[in-house]
Amino acid sequence: QLVMAITTFQSGTAALGRINEVEQLPTEPEAPSLAMTPIALSAAPAAVHFEDVAFRYRDDAPTVHHGVTFEIPPGGMTAFVGPSGSGKSTVFALIERLYEPERGVVTVDGRNVADWPLHELRAQIGYVEQDAPVLAGTLRDNLRLAAPTATDDEIRRALARTRLTGFLERLPDGLDTIVGHRGSTLSGGERQRVAIARALLRQPRLLLLDEATSQLDAVNELALREIIAEVSATTTVLVVAHRLSTVTLADRIIVMDAGVVRGIGTHAELVAGDDLYRELATTRLLAVANEDEDGAEASDPEPVTVDIEHRLTAAAVR
């Protein structure tokens, strides 16, 4: 018992030390002129614009974006494709203002993200990553992370939108069912759809899906594609995707390579006019689609360590 007590104490001390490290991280700067420029919030889908954006994660790191420019109108689905390391996931980090560009402007609804109050900017955004976190606790607790005041009816509607009503009915305690550490009682597809339901619960105007289908089997990917198509009718949906079946759903596809945008168009337009996209569509994207039964694909090796730190501190203003 003494050994167990010492081990527990050491684990608790380590956890407390980590919490203290997070609390001591520098706070993210707010825009200096917020009091002078109130923002009228809208429920309509958001528009996004990048103008000549250059960015690198550190002063001694290679440049990730070299003058990225594109415009995304409100509503619909936009897919980002390209080789690993081409800067796709970095687009999302800049939209959420986890980092500041070295050059250029990122706008949401025509307003520089640097001029948005952080809590208001991020309140407009839902984000689902490749391995979305599900925490120990009840299903209700996990869903309310995005919307603490959500009612059970609102939660059930979000679950219905993500095709999880049957799943909820099978749970022994419904919304009060314990999902286990990191959602250990859920399948990979269930965890991912719970994460999307959580994002939808906050009623985002802009939904960012960062390789959200990459760890799903064919059945769950089909369900997720249906969800994305439905949500994109009322929300601006941006997807980083490596599967052809997901990419071809998009209203527009942005092809990135080596930190620049080399093509924008529909699947048919890009197959006809962009050599890189044609190669991706006929080899890599199809290859990934054929590997569904063999497990998850490798993630994009863009810098994420610092991004995790920023997301932890960002939670305080979401």
Protein backbone atom coordinates (compact mmCIF):
# COMPACT_ATOMS: atom_id res chain seq x y z
CA GLN A 1 0.00 0.00 0.00
CA LEU A 2 2.87 2.37 0.73
CA VAL A 3 4.35 1.74 -2.71
CA MET A 4 0.96 2.36 -4.35
CA ALA A 5 0.54 5.57 -2.38
CA ILE A 6 3.99 6.81 -3.45
CA THR A 7 3.26 5.93 -7.09
CA THR A 8 -0.08 7.74 -6.97
CA PHE A 9 1.56 10.78 -5.37
CA GLN A 10 4.26 10.88 -8.06
CA SER A 11 1.67 10.61 -10.84
CA GLY A 12 -0.39 13.38 -9.29
CA THR A 13 2.66 15.59 -8.89
CA ALA A 14 3.60 15.10 -12.54
CA ALA A 15 0.06 15.93 -13.65
CA LEU A 16 -0.02 19.04 -11.48
CA GLY A 17 3.30 20.14 -12.93
CA ARG A 18 1.92 19.80 -16.44
CA ILE A 19 -1.18 21.82 -15.51
CA ASN A 20 1.04 24.55 -14.08
CA GLU A 21 3.06 24.61 -17.32
CA VAL A 22 -0.12 25.14 -19.33
CA GLU A 23 -1.34 27.90 -17.02
CA GLN A 24 1.99 29.70 -17.39
CA LEU A 25 1.90 29.73 -21.19
CA PRO A 26 1.74 33.27 -22.57
CA THR A 27 -1.76 34.48 -23.36
CA GLU A 28 -2.69 35.15 -26.94
CA PRO A 29 -2.78 38.84 -27.86
CA GLU A 30 -6.16 40.44 -28.42
CA ALA A 31 -6.76 43.03 -31.13
CA PRO A 32 -5.84 46.49 -29.83
CA SER A 33 -8.90 48.32 -31.12
CA LEU A 34 -11.74 46.04 -30.05
CA ALA A 35 -13.57 48.64 -27.99
CA MET A 36 -13.67 50.95 -31.03
CA THR A 37 -14.89 48.35 -33.50
CA PRO A 38 -17.74 46.13 -32.25
CA ILE A 39 -18.55 43.15 -34.46
CA ALA A 40 -22.11 42.36 -35.49
CA LEU A 41 -22.31 38.57 -35.39
CA SER A 42 -24.33 36.66 -37.98
CA ALA A 43 -25.77 33.18 -38.17
CA ALA A 44 -25.06 32.93 -41.90
CA PRO A 45 -22.18 30.83 -43.28
CA ALA A 46 -18.80 32.56 -43.12
CA ALA A 47 -16.59 33.70 -45.99
CA VAL A 48 -12.80 33.19 -45.84
CA HIS A 49 -10.08 34.98 -47.78
CA PHE A 50 -6.27 34.57 -47.84
CA GLU A 51 -4.30 37.32 -49.57
CA ASP A 52 -0.57 36.77 -50.24
CA VAL A 53 -0.06 34.95 -46.92
CA ALA A 54 3.48 33.93 -45.94
CA PHE A 55 4.11 31.97 -42.76
CA ARG A 56 6.58 29.78 -40.88
CA TYR A 57 6.20 28.22 -37.45
CA ARG A 58 9.48 29.57 -36.04
CA ASP A 59 12.10 32.05 -37.14
CA ASP A 60 14.55 29.19 -37.70
CA ALA A 61 11.99 26.94 -39.42
CA PRO A 62 11.38 26.65 -43.16
CA THR A 63 8.61 28.74 -44.68
CA VAL A 64 5.33 26.84 -44.89
CA HIS A 65 3.28 29.31 -46.93
CA HIS A 66 4.80 31.33 -49.79
CA GLY A 67 2.18 33.91 -50.75
CA VAL A 68 -0.99 31.81 -50.41
CA THR A 69 -4.05 33.44 -51.96
CA PHE A 70 -7.59 32.07 -52.30
CA GLU A 71 -11.19 33.10 -51.64
CA ILE A 72 -13.96 30.90 -50.24
CA PRO A 73 -17.53 32.21 -50.49
CA PRO A 74 -20.13 31.55 -47.77
CA GLY A 75 -21.59 28.06 -47.69
CA GLY A 76 -20.69 24.89 -49.52
CA MET A 77 -17.71 22.60 -49.16
CA THR A 78 -14.10 23.37 -50.06
CA ALA A 79 -11.48 20.62 -50.04
CA PHE A 80 -7.73 21.19 -49.68
CA VAL A 81 -5.53 18.57 -51.31
CA GLY A 82 -1.83 18.23 -51.94
CA PRO A 83 1.26 16.29 -50.90
CA SER A 84 2.08 15.94 -47.21
CA GLY A 85 3.76 19.06 -45.89
CA SER A 86 2.27 21.37 -48.52
CA GLY A 87 0.65 23.65 -45.93
CA LYS A 88 -2.95 22.42 -45.87
CA SER A 89 -3.42 22.06 -42.10
CA THR A 90 -1.59 25.34 -41.55
CA VAL A 91 -4.47 27.08 -43.34
CA PHE A 92 -6.75 26.03 -40.48
CA ALA A 93 -4.29 27.19 -37.81
CA LEU A 94 -4.15 30.63 -39.40
CA ILE A 95 -7.93 30.90 -39.73
CA GLU A 96 -8.28 30.16 -36.01
CA ARG A 97 -5.50 32.66 -35.32
CA LEU A 98 -3.37 30.16 -33.49
CA TYR A 99 -0.51 31.87 -35.31
CA GLU A 100 0.03 35.21 -37.03
CA PRO A 101 1.15 35.33 -40.68
CA GLU A 102 4.49 36.96 -41.44
CA ARG A 103 2.98 38.66 -44.46
CA GLY A 104 -0.44 39.02 -45.99
CA VAL A 105 -3.95 39.01 -44.59
CA VAL A 106 -6.40 36.33 -43.46
CA THR A 107 -10.01 37.51 -43.28
CA VAL A 108 -13.29 36.02 -42.10
CA ASP A 109 -16.33 37.84 -43.47
CA GLY A 110 -14.03 40.48 -44.91
CA ARG A 111 -12.49 41.31 -41.55
CA ASN A 112 -8.86 40.60 -40.68
CA VAL A 113 -8.77 37.80 -38.10
CA ALA A 114 -6.31 39.96 -36.12
CA ASP A 115 -9.17 42.43 -35.58
CA TRP A 116 -11.63 39.86 -34.25
CA PRO A 117 -11.94 39.29 -30.50
CA LEU A 118 -10.53 35.78 -30.12
CA HIS A 119 -13.53 34.39 -28.26
CA GLU A 120 -15.89 35.72 -30.94
CA LEU A 121 -13.76 34.47 -33.82
CA ARG A 122 -13.46 30.97 -32.40
CA ALA A 123 -17.11 30.88 -31.38
CA GLN A 124 -17.90 30.94 -35.12
CA ILE A 125 -15.70 27.90 -35.81
CA GLY A 126 -16.10 24.17 -35.30
CA TYR A 127 -12.93 22.08 -35.59
CA VAL A 128 -12.55 18.32 -35.93
CA GLU A 129 -9.10 16.78 -36.30
CA GLN A 130 -7.87 13.41 -37.46
CA ASP A 131 -7.79 11.90 -33.98
CA ALA A 132 -10.46 13.96 -32.23
CA PRO A 133 -10.19 13.84 -28.42
CA VAL A 134 -12.88 12.10 -26.39
CA LEU A 135 -12.31 12.45 -22.66
CA ALA A 136 -13.13 10.20 -19.72
CA GLY A 137 -16.63 10.96 -18.47
CA THR A 138 -20.14 10.70 -19.83
CA LEU A 139 -21.23 11.17 -23.41
CA ARG A 140 -23.14 14.27 -22.32
CA ASP A 141 -20.02 15.75 -20.68
CA ASN A 142 -18.00 15.25 -23.85
CA LEU A 143 -20.59 16.87 -26.07
CA ARG A 144 -21.07 19.83 -23.76
CA LEU A 145 -17.40 20.72 -23.98
CA ALA A 146 -18.39 22.71 -27.07
CA ALA A 147 -21.60 24.17 -25.65
CA PRO A 148 -21.81 23.99 -21.84
CA THR A 149 -25.40 25.28 -21.75
CA ALA A 150 -26.75 22.89 -24.40
CA THR A 151 -29.97 21.11 -23.47
CA ASP A 152 -30.50 17.38 -23.88
CA ASP A 153 -32.85 18.07 -26.80
CA GLU A 154 -30.13 20.09 -28.54
CA ILE A 155 -27.63 17.30 -27.89
CA ARG A 156 -29.98 14.70 -29.35
CA ARG A 157 -30.52 16.82 -32.45
CA ALA A 158 -26.75 17.06 -32.95
CA LEU A 159 -26.44 13.29 -32.55
CA ALA A 160 -29.26 12.79 -35.04
CA ARG A 161 -27.45 14.97 -37.59
CA THR A 162 -24.39 12.74 -37.26
CA ARG A 163 -26.40 9.50 -37.60
CA LEU A 164 -25.86 8.54 -33.94
CA THR A 165 -29.46 8.19 -32.75
CA GLY A 166 -29.33 4.40 -32.96
CA PHE A 167 -25.98 4.41 -31.17
CA LEU A 168 -27.48 6.53 -28.36
CA GLU A 169 -30.45 4.18 -28.02
CA ARG A 170 -28.10 1.22 -27.58
CA LEU A 171 -26.13 2.80 -24.74
CA PRO A 172 -27.07 1.38 -21.32
CA ASP A 173 -27.39 4.79 -19.66
CA GLY A 174 -28.05 6.99 -22.66
CA LEU A 175 -26.28 10.34 -22.44
CA ASP A 176 -25.07 9.41 -18.95
CA THR A 177 -23.06 6.44 -20.27
CA ILE A 178 -19.36 6.57 -19.35
CA VAL A 179 -17.31 6.49 -22.55
CA GLY A 180 -13.99 5.57 -20.90
CA HIS A 181 -10.53 7.08 -21.08
CA ARG A 182 -10.07 8.58 -24.56
CA GLY A 183 -13.42 7.09 -25.55
CA SER A 184 -12.16 3.54 -25.12
CA THR A 185 -15.70 2.10 -25.18
CA LEU A 186 -16.40 3.64 -28.60
CA SER A 187 -15.31 2.51 -32.04
CA GLY A 188 -13.16 4.77 -34.17
CA GLY A 189 -16.14 5.76 -36.30
CA GLU A 190 -18.27 6.50 -33.25
CA ARG A 191 -15.55 8.65 -31.70
CA GLN A 192 -15.18 10.66 -34.88
CA ARG A 193 -18.92 11.20 -35.26
CA VAL A 194 -19.21 12.18 -31.59
CA ALA A 195 -16.51 14.77 -32.26
CA ILE A 196 -18.44 16.11 -35.24
CA ALA A 197 -21.67 16.19 -33.21
CA ARG A 198 -19.79 18.18 -30.57
CA ALA A 199 -18.61 20.65 -33.21
CA LEU A 200 -22.12 21.00 -34.65
CA LEU A 201 -23.59 21.56 -31.19
CA ARG A 202 -21.99 25.00 -31.09
CA GLN A 203 -23.75 25.84 -34.39
CA PRO A 204 -20.60 26.95 -36.20
CA ARG A 205 -20.64 29.23 -39.23
CA LEU A 206 -17.37 27.66 -40.35
CA LEU A 207 -16.60 23.95 -39.91
CA LEU A 208 -12.97 22.81 -40.28
CA LEU A 209 -12.39 19.08 -40.82
CA ASP A 210 -8.69 18.20 -40.74
CA GLU A 211 -8.38 14.71 -42.23
CA ALA A 212 -11.49 13.75 -40.26
CA THR A 213 -12.18 10.72 -42.48
CA SER A 214 -8.66 9.30 -42.56
CA GLN A 215 -9.14 6.74 -39.77
CA LEU A 216 -12.61 5.55 -40.78
CA ASP A 217 -13.59 2.36 -42.54
CA ALA A 218 -15.70 2.49 -45.69
CA VAL A 219 -19.07 2.31 -43.89
CA ASN A 220 -18.29 5.09 -41.43
CA GLU A 221 -16.69 7.20 -44.14
CA LEU A 222 -19.89 6.96 -46.19
CA ALA A 223 -21.93 8.14 -43.19
CA LEU A 224 -19.52 11.02 -42.64
CA ARG A 225 -19.68 12.05 -46.30
CA GLU A 226 -23.46 12.24 -46.02
CA ILE A 227 -23.12 14.39 -42.90
CA ILE A 228 -20.67 16.76 -44.61
CA ALA A 229 -22.94 17.14 -47.63
CA GLU A 230 -25.90 17.95 -45.38
CA VAL A 231 -24.01 20.39 -43.16
CA SER A 232 -22.47 22.25 -46.11
CA ALA A 233 -25.95 23.39 -47.14
CA THR A 234 -26.07 25.74 -44.13
CA THR A 235 -22.41 26.07 -43.07
CA THR A 236 -19.11 26.83 -44.78
CA VAL A 237 -17.20 23.53 -44.62
CA LEU A 238 -13.43 23.33 -45.20
CA VAL A 239 -11.90 19.87 -45.45
CA VAL A 240 -8.31 18.66 -45.58
CA ALA A 241 -8.79 15.31 -47.26
CA HIS A 242 -6.71 12.51 -48.76
CA ARG A 243 -9.59 10.38 -50.03
CA LEU A 244 -10.96 10.80 -53.51
CA SER A 245 -14.47 9.90 -52.36
CA THR A 246 -14.47 12.89 -50.00
CA VAL A 247 -12.70 15.29 -52.36
CA THR A 248 -15.14 14.78 -55.24
CA LEU A 249 -18.02 15.97 -53.02
CA ALA A 250 -16.50 19.45 -52.81
CA ASP A 251 -17.94 22.48 -54.56
CA ARG A 252 -14.35 23.64 -55.06
CA ILE A 253 -10.95 22.03 -54.58
CA ILE A 254 -7.81 23.98 -53.68
CA VAL A 255 -4.60 22.22 -54.71
CA MET A 256 -1.54 23.13 -52.64
CA ASP A 257 2.06 22.21 -53.27
CA ALA A 258 5.21 23.40 -51.47
CA GLY A 259 3.35 26.18 -49.69
CA VAL A 260 1.57 27.72 -52.67
CA VAL A 261 -1.85 27.37 -54.27
CA ARG A 262 -1.32 25.88 -57.72
CA GLY A 263 -4.92 25.26 -58.73
CA ILE A 264 -8.56 25.89 -57.78
CA GLY A 265 -11.56 24.24 -59.42
CA THR A 266 -13.89 21.27 -59.45
CA HIS A 267 -12.68 17.69 -59.64
CA ALA A 268 -13.36 17.51 -63.37
CA GLU A 269 -11.68 20.85 -64.08
CA LEU A 270 -8.55 19.95 -62.13
CA VAL A 271 -8.24 16.46 -63.61
CA ALA A 272 -8.29 18.11 -67.02
CA GLY A 273 -6.03 21.04 -66.22
CA ASP A 274 -3.66 20.30 -63.32
CA ASP A 275 -0.97 17.64 -63.62
CA LEU A 276 -0.37 17.31 -59.87
CA TYR A 277 -4.05 16.92 -59.06
CA ARG A 278 -4.44 14.38 -61.85
CA GLU A 279 -1.58 12.38 -60.35
CA LEU A 280 -3.05 12.63 -56.85
CA ALA A 281 -6.51 11.65 -58.07
CA THR A 282 -5.34 8.67 -60.11
CA THR A 283 -2.70 7.31 -57.74
CA ARG A 284 -2.48 8.60 -54.18
CA LEU A 285 -6.12 9.48 -53.51
CA LEU A 286 -7.34 6.24 -55.04
CA ALA A 287 -4.64 4.29 -53.20
CA VAL A 288 -5.80 5.74 -49.89
CA ALA A 289 -9.40 4.86 -50.70
CA ASN A 290 -8.34 1.27 -51.38
CA GLU A 291 -6.51 1.02 -48.05
CA ASP A 292 -9.65 1.41 -45.91
CA GLU A 293 -9.47 -2.17 -44.72
CA ASP A 294 -5.77 -1.95 -43.91
CA GLY A 295 -6.06 0.82 -41.29
CA ALA A 296 -5.50 4.55 -41.06
CA GLU A 297 -3.26 6.48 -43.39
CA ALA A 298 -0.26 8.47 -42.19
CA SER A 299 -0.96 12.00 -41.03
CA ASP A 300 0.47 15.10 -42.66
CA PRO A 301 3.86 15.72 -41.00
CA GLU A 302 3.40 19.46 -40.56
CA PRO A 303 4.49 20.92 -37.21
CA VAL A 304 1.89 20.12 -34.56
CA THR A 305 3.70 20.20 -31.21
CA VAL A 306 3.45 23.95 -30.80
CA ASP A 307 -0.07 23.82 -32.24
CA ILE A 308 -1.18 21.62 -29.33
CA GLU A 309 0.09 24.21 -26.86
CA HIS A 310 -1.83 26.93 -28.68
CA ARG A 311 -5.01 24.87 -28.72
CA LEU A 312 -4.78 24.31 -24.97
CA THR A 313 -4.56 28.04 -24.30
CA ALA A 314 -7.18 28.77 -26.95
CA ALA A 315 -9.70 26.66 -25.05
CA ALA A 316 -9.90 29.39 -22.44
CA VAL A 317 -11.37 31.85 -24.93
CA ARG A 318 -13.56 29.50 -26.97
